[in-house]
Amino acid sequence: MKNIILFDDEKWPNFLPITYTRPICELRVGILTIKEKWEKHLNGVASYITQDYLSDKYPIDISKDNIVINSRWLPNPEFISLINGLELNDALLIEDTLVAARMDDKQFERLIDNKEIEQLKGIDISKNKNKFIEITQIFELNNINKEELEKDFQLLTRYKKNHLTQEGNTLVNENNIFAEEGAKIQGAYLNATDGPIYIGKNAQIMEGSLIRGPFALCESSVIKMGSKIYGGTTIGPFSKIAGEVSESIIIGYTNKAHDGYLGNSYLGSWCNLGAGTNVSNLKNNYTKVKIWDFVNDKFKDTGLQFCGLIMGDHSKAGISTMFNTGTVVGVSANIFGSGYPRTFIPSFSWGGTKGYKTYLLNKSFETAEVTMKRRNQKLDEKSKIILEHIFHNSSVYRTWES
């Protein structure tokens, strides 16, 4: 199997707050994470080059022969063909930017030490740049999710047995619906006319649910009774979802288990939206949405008319929380109370419209441990170190501490 190394470049902050706790390649888009896509397409095992504080949890594995790829580029036939054609110590460049390379261990160590690529044979692919899929901002993932869902669906279901059952369900365009082993669908309406529907291993869709493709429900996740799910939505593994969801991505291990609307949003892991939580994804005056920019520490125009909530890992919203259009919530924030909270809520915030205080690190650990134990997971020391780094790094945004 190929040894793949996926590296984060200087645009890693553009994917905050989701990448506070993970490398770019651990972002989910379509059905799979970026890392999983490359492993399947190249028949390999991937490791990471990422931020120093993430590297203990996400280490690098260097072999005698390595395929090195920028995590912001997604696989497609043209790009895969170029990578498979690389000779040892060849590199694919767009102008001076390293996009991918094949390196031996000695060249790789020189690259790490000197940050140079002169020893590589550079192949400029700038003229063909438009043939490749590059992501530059976190909100772009929602825009390409439908296309990635369809590609991942073909990749995952080819030559596999479909465990879909029609008993008690209404299935439209049944050939475009696939269920893995152990999946349970009871009294649901599934319409795959506009795109495929993928139901992962041991996932469950309860009675009365209405689902339109393209849609993915990953391993052991649950769609609760009477839910309404629109196309362009991906629910990562071990999540519980209810209410109305449209064009949103949930990485996994996150709950929206009650009624309420979630649209054009991207949620990390171990989040929880309380009963009746609603997210605005469209401004009343239909103008373009602005969101918080962690690079320049100010709000920036997304160019999008539809943009909902972006929420980092371990954040929670109390019952009946109302998120305004383009709200960004950091890691380990706890939001509650009436009215609309601010549209940028820093990591480790505790409060709402009546004001905020700091969510103390030891208290956040206690909550995370209880939350993760419910999914038979553990908050390990490496994860605690990451959260502690974020706690200190994000203090500049918690202005009430000054």
Protein backbone atom coordinates (compact mmCIF):
# COMPACT_ATOMS: atom_id res chain seq x y z
CA MET A 1 0.00 0.00 0.00
CA LYS A 2 1.13 3.56 -0.71
CA ASN A 3 2.40 5.74 2.12
CA ILE A 4 0.50 9.03 1.88
CA ILE A 5 1.36 12.19 3.80
CA LEU A 6 -1.20 14.99 3.78
CA PHE A 7 0.11 18.40 4.74
CA ASP A 8 -1.49 21.63 5.93
CA ASP A 9 -0.23 24.83 4.36
CA GLU A 10 -0.49 28.49 5.41
CA LYS A 11 -4.23 28.51 4.73
CA TRP A 12 -5.01 26.21 7.66
CA PRO A 13 -6.44 29.19 9.66
CA ASN A 14 -9.06 29.74 6.95
CA PHE A 15 -10.79 26.59 8.20
CA LEU A 16 -11.01 27.66 11.84
CA PRO A 17 -12.72 27.02 14.20
CA ILE A 18 -13.19 23.50 12.81
CA THR A 19 -9.43 22.99 12.34
CA TYR A 20 -8.60 24.18 15.85
CA THR A 21 -8.82 20.49 16.79
CA ARG A 22 -7.80 18.67 13.59
CA PRO A 23 -5.74 18.89 10.38
CA ILE A 24 -7.50 20.03 7.22
CA CYS A 25 -7.61 16.48 5.85
CA GLU A 26 -9.85 15.38 8.75
CA LEU A 27 -12.62 17.66 7.46
CA ARG A 28 -15.63 15.80 6.10
CA VAL A 29 -17.07 16.70 2.72
CA GLY A 30 -19.30 14.37 0.74
CA ILE A 31 -19.50 11.09 2.66
CA LEU A 32 -15.83 10.75 3.56
CA THR A 33 -13.16 12.90 5.15
CA ILE A 34 -10.48 14.25 2.81
CA LYS A 35 -8.01 11.77 4.31
CA GLU A 36 -10.36 8.84 3.69
CA LYS A 37 -10.89 9.93 0.09
CA TRP A 38 -7.16 9.90 -0.67
CA GLU A 39 -6.62 6.56 1.09
CA LYS A 40 -9.33 4.90 -1.00
CA HIS A 41 -8.38 6.49 -4.32
CA LEU A 42 -4.66 5.75 -3.97
CA ASN A 43 -4.96 2.48 -2.03
CA GLY A 44 -2.81 3.76 0.79
CA VAL A 45 -2.55 4.79 4.41
CA ALA A 46 -2.23 8.48 5.23
CA SER A 47 -0.55 10.43 8.02
CA TYR A 48 -0.14 14.15 8.64
CA ILE A 49 1.96 17.28 8.59
CA THR A 50 0.02 19.78 10.65
CA GLN A 51 0.32 22.38 13.40
CA ASP A 52 2.86 21.59 16.11
CA TYR A 53 0.29 21.40 18.89
CA LEU A 54 -1.77 18.88 16.88
CA SER A 55 1.14 16.67 15.84
CA ASP A 56 1.17 14.32 18.86
CA LYS A 57 -2.40 13.28 18.14
CA TYR A 58 -1.93 13.45 14.37
CA PRO A 59 1.65 12.21 13.74
CA ILE A 60 3.63 11.77 10.55
CA ASP A 61 4.80 8.42 9.20
CA ILE A 62 7.70 8.62 6.72
CA SER A 63 8.69 5.65 4.59
CA LYS A 64 11.21 5.03 1.80
CA ASP A 65 8.63 6.10 -0.78
CA ASN A 66 6.03 8.76 0.08
CA ILE A 67 3.18 10.42 -1.76
CA VAL A 68 2.90 13.93 -0.31
CA ILE A 69 -0.29 15.91 -1.01
CA ASN A 70 -1.58 19.32 0.00
CA SER A 71 -4.72 18.64 2.10
CA ARG A 72 -6.63 21.45 0.38
CA TRP A 73 -6.78 19.56 -2.91
CA LEU A 74 -9.43 16.89 -3.36
CA PRO A 75 -9.04 13.81 -5.53
CA ASN A 76 -10.49 13.72 -9.02
CA PRO A 77 -9.49 11.58 -12.06
CA GLU A 78 -7.12 14.20 -13.53
CA PHE A 79 -5.27 14.78 -10.28
CA ILE A 80 -5.08 11.08 -9.39
CA SER A 81 -3.64 10.31 -12.83
CA LEU A 82 -0.90 12.91 -12.37
CA ILE A 83 0.00 11.61 -8.92
CA ASN A 84 0.14 8.00 -10.09
CA GLY A 85 2.49 9.08 -12.88
CA LEU A 86 5.05 10.71 -10.60
CA GLU A 87 8.58 9.35 -10.51
CA LEU A 88 10.57 9.43 -7.28
CA ASN A 89 11.35 13.05 -6.27
CA ASP A 90 8.97 14.54 -8.84
CA ALA A 91 6.72 17.37 -7.68
CA LEU A 92 3.51 18.96 -8.97
CA LEU A 93 3.56 22.75 -8.64
CA ILE A 94 1.08 25.52 -9.25
CA GLU A 95 3.47 28.44 -9.75
CA ASP A 96 5.66 28.13 -6.62
CA THR A 97 3.11 26.25 -4.51
CA LEU A 98 3.75 22.56 -3.82
CA VAL A 99 0.56 20.64 -4.53
CA ALA A 100 1.83 17.06 -4.50
CA ALA A 101 5.06 15.12 -4.76
CA ARG A 102 6.59 11.69 -4.57
CA MET A 103 9.62 11.71 -2.26
CA ASP A 104 12.08 9.30 -0.74
CA ASP A 105 12.80 9.61 2.97
CA LYS A 106 16.06 11.55 2.48
CA GLN A 107 14.45 14.18 0.26
CA PHE A 108 11.56 14.40 2.67
CA GLU A 109 13.86 15.16 5.58
CA ARG A 110 15.56 17.89 3.53
CA LEU A 111 12.17 19.41 2.81
CA ILE A 112 11.25 19.39 6.49
CA ASP A 113 14.57 20.89 7.58
CA ASN A 114 15.05 23.50 4.87
CA LYS A 115 11.51 24.20 3.65
CA GLU A 116 12.93 23.96 0.11
CA ILE A 117 11.92 22.03 -2.97
CA GLU A 118 14.94 22.71 -5.18
CA GLN A 119 15.99 19.07 -5.06
CA LEU A 120 12.67 18.04 -6.56
CA LYS A 121 11.92 17.92 -10.25
CA GLY A 122 9.10 20.45 -10.52
CA ILE A 123 6.23 19.91 -12.95
CA ASP A 124 4.19 23.09 -13.38
CA ILE A 125 0.48 22.30 -13.67
CA SER A 126 -0.70 25.91 -13.42
CA LYS A 127 -2.32 25.84 -16.87
CA ASN A 128 -4.53 22.94 -15.77
CA LYS A 129 -5.42 24.40 -12.36
CA ASN A 130 -9.11 24.69 -13.21
CA LYS A 131 -9.29 20.92 -13.67
CA PHE A 132 -8.51 20.33 -10.00
CA ILE A 133 -10.60 20.87 -6.86
CA GLU A 134 -9.01 23.26 -4.38
CA ILE A 135 -10.67 24.44 -1.19
CA THR A 136 -9.63 27.71 0.46
CA GLN A 137 -12.33 28.46 3.08
CA ILE A 138 -14.42 26.38 5.50
CA PHE A 139 -17.75 27.58 4.04
CA GLU A 140 -16.77 26.32 0.58
CA LEU A 141 -17.25 22.74 1.74
CA ASN A 142 -21.03 23.16 1.93
CA ASN A 143 -21.07 24.50 -1.63
CA ILE A 144 -19.34 21.43 -3.07
CA ASN A 145 -20.96 18.86 -0.79
CA LYS A 146 -23.57 17.70 -3.31
CA GLU A 147 -20.94 16.92 -5.94
CA GLU A 148 -18.65 15.21 -3.41
CA LEU A 149 -21.57 13.14 -2.11
CA GLU A 150 -22.23 11.78 -5.58
CA LYS A 151 -18.55 10.95 -6.17
CA ASP A 152 -18.14 9.27 -2.78
CA PHE A 153 -21.37 7.33 -3.31
CA GLN A 154 -19.97 5.78 -6.49
CA LEU A 155 -16.66 5.05 -4.78
CA LEU A 156 -18.17 3.37 -1.72
CA THR A 157 -20.98 1.37 -3.30
CA ARG A 158 -19.28 -0.02 -6.39
CA TYR A 159 -19.31 -3.85 -6.37
CA LYS A 160 -20.85 -3.95 -2.87
CA LYS A 161 -24.02 -5.66 -1.73
CA ASN A 162 -26.93 -3.32 -1.06
CA HIS A 163 -28.76 -4.11 2.19
CA LEU A 164 -31.65 -1.76 1.41
CA THR A 165 -35.14 -3.04 2.21
CA GLN A 166 -38.35 -1.57 0.82
CA GLU A 167 -40.58 -3.07 3.49
CA GLY A 168 -42.57 -0.27 5.15
CA ASN A 169 -40.73 2.47 3.22
CA THR A 170 -41.44 4.60 0.16
CA LEU A 171 -38.40 4.67 -2.11
CA VAL A 172 -38.14 6.95 -5.16
CA ASN A 173 -35.38 6.12 -7.65
CA GLU A 174 -34.48 3.08 -5.56
CA ASN A 175 -31.39 2.24 -7.63
CA ASN A 176 -29.81 5.43 -6.30
CA ILE A 177 -30.28 4.45 -2.64
CA PHE A 178 -27.72 2.28 -0.83
CA ALA A 179 -27.71 0.83 2.67
CA GLU A 180 -24.73 -0.80 4.36
CA GLU A 181 -25.01 -3.90 6.51
CA GLY A 182 -27.00 -3.38 9.69
CA ALA A 183 -28.79 -0.24 8.47
CA LYS A 184 -32.42 0.11 9.62
CA ILE A 185 -35.04 2.13 7.75
CA GLN A 186 -38.59 2.08 9.12
CA GLY A 187 -41.60 3.85 7.61
CA ALA A 188 -39.55 6.54 5.85
CA TYR A 189 -39.87 8.38 2.52
CA LEU A 190 -36.57 8.46 0.60
CA ASN A 191 -36.37 10.38 -2.69
CA ALA A 192 -33.13 9.94 -4.64
CA THR A 193 -34.29 11.69 -7.82
CA ASP A 194 -31.90 14.63 -7.44
CA GLY A 195 -28.99 12.65 -6.03
CA PRO A 196 -27.97 9.47 -4.21
CA ILE A 197 -28.86 8.51 -0.66
CA TYR A 198 -26.27 6.60 1.39
CA ILE A 199 -27.09 4.92 4.71
CA GLY A 200 -24.03 3.72 6.58
CA LYS A 201 -23.36 0.62 8.64
CA ASN A 202 -25.76 0.24 11.59
CA ALA A 203 -27.33 3.64 10.87
CA GLN A 204 -31.05 4.12 11.48
CA ILE A 205 -33.81 6.21 9.89
CA MET A 206 -36.94 6.22 12.05
CA GLU A 207 -40.53 6.31 10.90
CA GLY A 208 -42.06 9.40 9.36
CA SER A 209 -38.75 10.81 8.15
CA LEU A 210 -38.66 12.59 4.77
CA ILE A 211 -35.29 12.56 3.02
CA ARG A 212 -34.13 13.92 -0.32
CA GLY A 213 -30.79 13.17 -1.91
CA PRO A 214 -27.99 13.72 -2.26
CA PHE A 215 -27.69 12.72 1.39
CA ALA A 216 -25.37 10.65 3.55
CA LEU A 217 -25.99 9.15 6.98
CA CYS A 218 -22.74 7.66 8.24
CA GLU A 219 -22.08 4.71 10.53
CA SER A 220 -24.34 4.26 13.60
CA SER A 221 -26.02 7.64 13.22
CA VAL A 222 -29.77 8.08 13.76
CA ILE A 223 -32.42 10.18 12.03
CA LYS A 224 -35.23 10.50 14.55
CA MET A 225 -38.97 10.33 13.90
CA GLY A 226 -40.57 12.84 11.59
CA SER A 227 -37.35 14.53 10.48
CA LYS A 228 -37.14 16.50 7.22
CA ILE A 229 -33.73 16.31 5.52
CA TYR A 230 -32.97 18.17 2.29
CA GLY A 231 -30.28 17.43 -0.29
CA GLY A 232 -26.65 18.38 0.16
CA THR A 233 -26.60 17.14 3.76
CA THR A 234 -24.02 14.85 5.36
CA ILE A 235 -24.40 13.44 8.87
CA GLY A 236 -21.13 11.98 10.13
CA PRO A 237 -20.91 8.85 12.30
CA PHE A 238 -22.46 8.36 15.74
CA SER A 239 -24.77 11.39 15.57
CA LYS A 240 -28.47 11.90 16.35
CA ILE A 241 -30.50 14.24 14.16
CA ALA A 242 -34.09 15.48 14.24
CA GLY A 243 -36.14 18.39 12.91
CA GLU A 244 -35.31 20.12 9.63
CA VAL A 245 -31.83 20.07 8.10
CA SER A 246 -30.71 21.43 4.72
CA GLU A 247 -27.33 21.55 2.93
CA SER A 248 -25.33 21.03 6.11
CA ILE A 249 -22.33 18.95 7.15
CA ILE A 250 -21.75 17.37 10.55
CA ILE A 251 -18.33 15.78 11.02
CA GLY A 252 -19.59 13.20 13.54
CA TYR A 253 -20.40 12.46 17.19
CA THR A 254 -22.76 15.47 17.29
CA ASN A 255 -26.43 15.72 18.30
CA LYS A 256 -29.31 17.81 17.02
CA ALA A 257 -31.85 15.46 18.53
CA HIS A 258 -34.96 17.68 18.57
CA ASP A 259 -37.05 19.97 16.38
CA GLY A 260 -35.51 23.14 14.97
CA TYR A 261 -33.89 24.26 11.71
CA LEU A 262 -30.26 23.87 10.64
CA GLY A 263 -29.31 25.12 7.18
CA ASN A 264 -26.07 25.70 5.24
CA SER A 265 -24.06 24.94 8.36
CA TYR A 266 -20.88 23.09 9.30
CA LEU A 267 -20.61 21.47 12.75
CA GLY A 268 -17.62 19.76 14.32
CA SER A 269 -17.66 16.82 16.74
CA TRP A 270 -19.17 16.53 20.22
CA CYS A 271 -21.56 19.44 19.66
CA ASN A 272 -25.14 19.53 20.89
CA LEU A 273 -28.02 21.75 19.77
CA GLY A 274 -30.78 21.88 22.38
CA ALA A 275 -34.48 21.42 21.64
CA GLY A 276 -35.93 24.14 19.45
CA THR A 277 -32.56 25.57 18.38
CA ASN A 278 -32.90 27.41 15.06
CA VAL A 279 -30.28 28.71 12.65
CA SER A 280 -30.84 31.52 10.15
CA ASN A 281 -29.13 30.87 6.83
CA LEU A 282 -30.56 33.85 4.89
CA LYS A 283 -30.60 37.54 5.79
CA ASN A 284 -33.93 39.36 5.70
CA ASN A 285 -32.60 41.81 3.09
CA TYR A 286 -31.08 38.97 0.99
CA THR A 287 -27.60 40.54 1.01
CA LYS A 288 -24.40 38.52 1.11
CA VAL A 289 -23.41 37.00 4.43
CA LYS A 290 -20.33 38.07 6.41
CA ILE A 291 -18.57 35.76 8.86
CA TRP A 292 -15.66 36.08 11.28
CA ASP A 293 -12.21 35.88 9.69
CA PHE A 294 -9.62 34.42 12.07
CA VAL A 295 -6.76 35.54 9.81
CA ASN A 296 -7.54 39.25 9.86
CA ASP A 297 -9.59 39.35 13.09
CA LYS A 298 -12.61 40.97 11.50
CA PHE A 299 -15.75 40.04 9.61
CA LYS A 300 -15.39 39.29 5.91
CA ASP A 301 -17.82 38.92 3.03
CA THR A 302 -18.35 35.28 2.02
CA GLY A 303 -19.99 36.18 -1.26
CA LEU A 304 -22.77 33.77 -0.25
CA GLN A 305 -26.46 34.46 0.12
CA PHE A 306 -26.96 31.31 2.20
CA CYS A 307 -24.66 30.68 5.17
CA GLY A 308 -25.74 29.42 8.58
CA LEU A 309 -23.75 28.24 11.61
CA ILE A 310 -20.10 27.17 11.83
CA MET A 311 -19.46 25.50 15.21
CA GLY A 312 -16.23 24.06 16.60
CA ASP A 313 -15.86 20.85 18.60
CA HIS A 314 -17.41 20.40 22.06
CA SER A 315 -19.69 23.46 21.78
CA LYS A 316 -23.28 23.36 23.03
CA ALA A 317 -26.47 25.41 22.58
CA GLY A 318 -29.28 25.44 25.14
CA ILE A 319 -32.95 24.98 24.31
CA SER A 320 -34.55 27.48 21.93
CA THR A 321 -31.23 29.11 21.04
CA MET A 322 -31.47 31.33 17.94
CA PHE A 323 -28.35 31.69 15.80
CA ASN A 324 -28.22 34.57 13.35
CA THR A 325 -27.02 34.25 9.76
CA GLY A 326 -23.30 33.49 9.47
CA THR A 327 -22.63 32.81 13.15
CA VAL A 328 -19.22 31.37 14.06
CA VAL A 329 -18.85 29.54 17.38
CA GLY A 330 -15.44 28.41 18.59
CA VAL A 331 -14.45 25.29 20.53
CA SER A 332 -15.99 24.39 23.92
CA ALA A 333 -18.48 27.24 24.01
CA ASN A 334 -21.78 27.00 25.87
CA ILE A 335 -24.53 29.30 24.55
CA PHE A 336 -27.96 29.75 26.12
CA GLY A 337 -30.72 32.27 26.80
CA SER A 338 -33.28 34.21 24.76
CA GLY A 339 -32.56 36.43 21.78
CA TYR A 340 -29.81 36.24 19.17
CA PRO A 341 -26.27 35.83 20.57
CA ARG A 342 -23.40 37.65 18.87
CA THR A 343 -22.33 36.30 15.46
CA PHE A 344 -18.81 35.53 16.66
CA ILE A 345 -18.60 33.57 19.90
CA PRO A 346 -15.01 32.82 20.98
CA SER A 347 -13.84 29.45 22.20
CA PHE A 348 -14.53 28.69 25.87
CA SER A 349 -17.35 31.22 26.14
CA TRP A 350 -20.20 30.67 28.58
CA GLY A 351 -23.38 32.76 28.23
CA GLY A 352 -25.53 34.55 25.67
CA THR A 353 -27.23 37.89 25.04
CA LYS A 354 -26.93 38.89 28.72
CA GLY A 355 -23.17 38.57 28.58
CA TYR A 356 -20.38 36.01 28.71
CA LYS A 357 -17.88 34.63 31.14
CA THR A 358 -15.04 32.19 30.55
CA TYR A 359 -15.81 28.49 30.44
CA LEU A 360 -13.00 27.27 32.68
CA LEU A 361 -10.74 24.58 31.29
CA ASN A 362 -11.28 22.02 34.06
CA LYS A 363 -15.06 22.42 33.78
CA SER A 364 -14.91 21.94 30.01
CA PHE A 365 -12.87 18.77 30.51
CA GLU A 366 -15.52 17.42 32.89
CA THR A 367 -18.29 18.05 30.36
CA ALA A 368 -16.27 16.57 27.48
CA GLU A 369 -15.51 13.43 29.47
CA VAL A 370 -19.19 12.85 30.30
CA THR A 371 -20.25 13.58 26.70
CA MET A 372 -17.68 11.25 25.17
CA LYS A 373 -18.33 8.45 27.64
CA ARG A 374 -21.89 8.24 26.29
CA ARG A 375 -20.35 7.16 22.96
CA ASN A 376 -17.82 4.85 24.59
CA GLN A 377 -15.03 7.34 23.83
CA LYS A 378 -12.45 8.86 26.16
CA LEU A 379 -10.96 12.33 26.39
CA ASP A 380 -7.30 11.32 26.26
CA GLU A 381 -4.30 13.38 27.36
CA LYS A 382 -3.39 14.34 23.79
CA SER A 383 -6.86 15.82 23.30
CA LYS A 384 -6.62 17.67 26.63
CA ILE A 385 -3.33 19.24 25.55
CA ILE A 386 -4.96 20.39 22.30
CA LEU A 387 -7.91 21.93 24.17
CA GLU A 388 -5.57 23.63 26.62
CA HIS A 389 -3.64 25.17 23.72
CA ILE A 390 -6.88 26.44 22.19
CA PHE A 391 -8.00 27.82 25.57
CA HIS A 392 -4.88 29.98 25.86
CA ASN A 393 -4.61 30.81 22.16
CA SER A 394 -8.22 32.04 21.95
CA SER A 395 -8.11 34.20 25.09
CA VAL A 396 -7.43 37.28 22.95
CA TYR A 397 -11.03 37.03 21.68
CA ARG A 398 -12.55 36.79 25.17
CA THR A 399 -12.44 40.54 25.72
CA TRP A 400 -14.32 40.36 29.03
CA GLU A 401 -11.18 38.83 30.57
CA SER A 402 -9.21 42.08 30.02
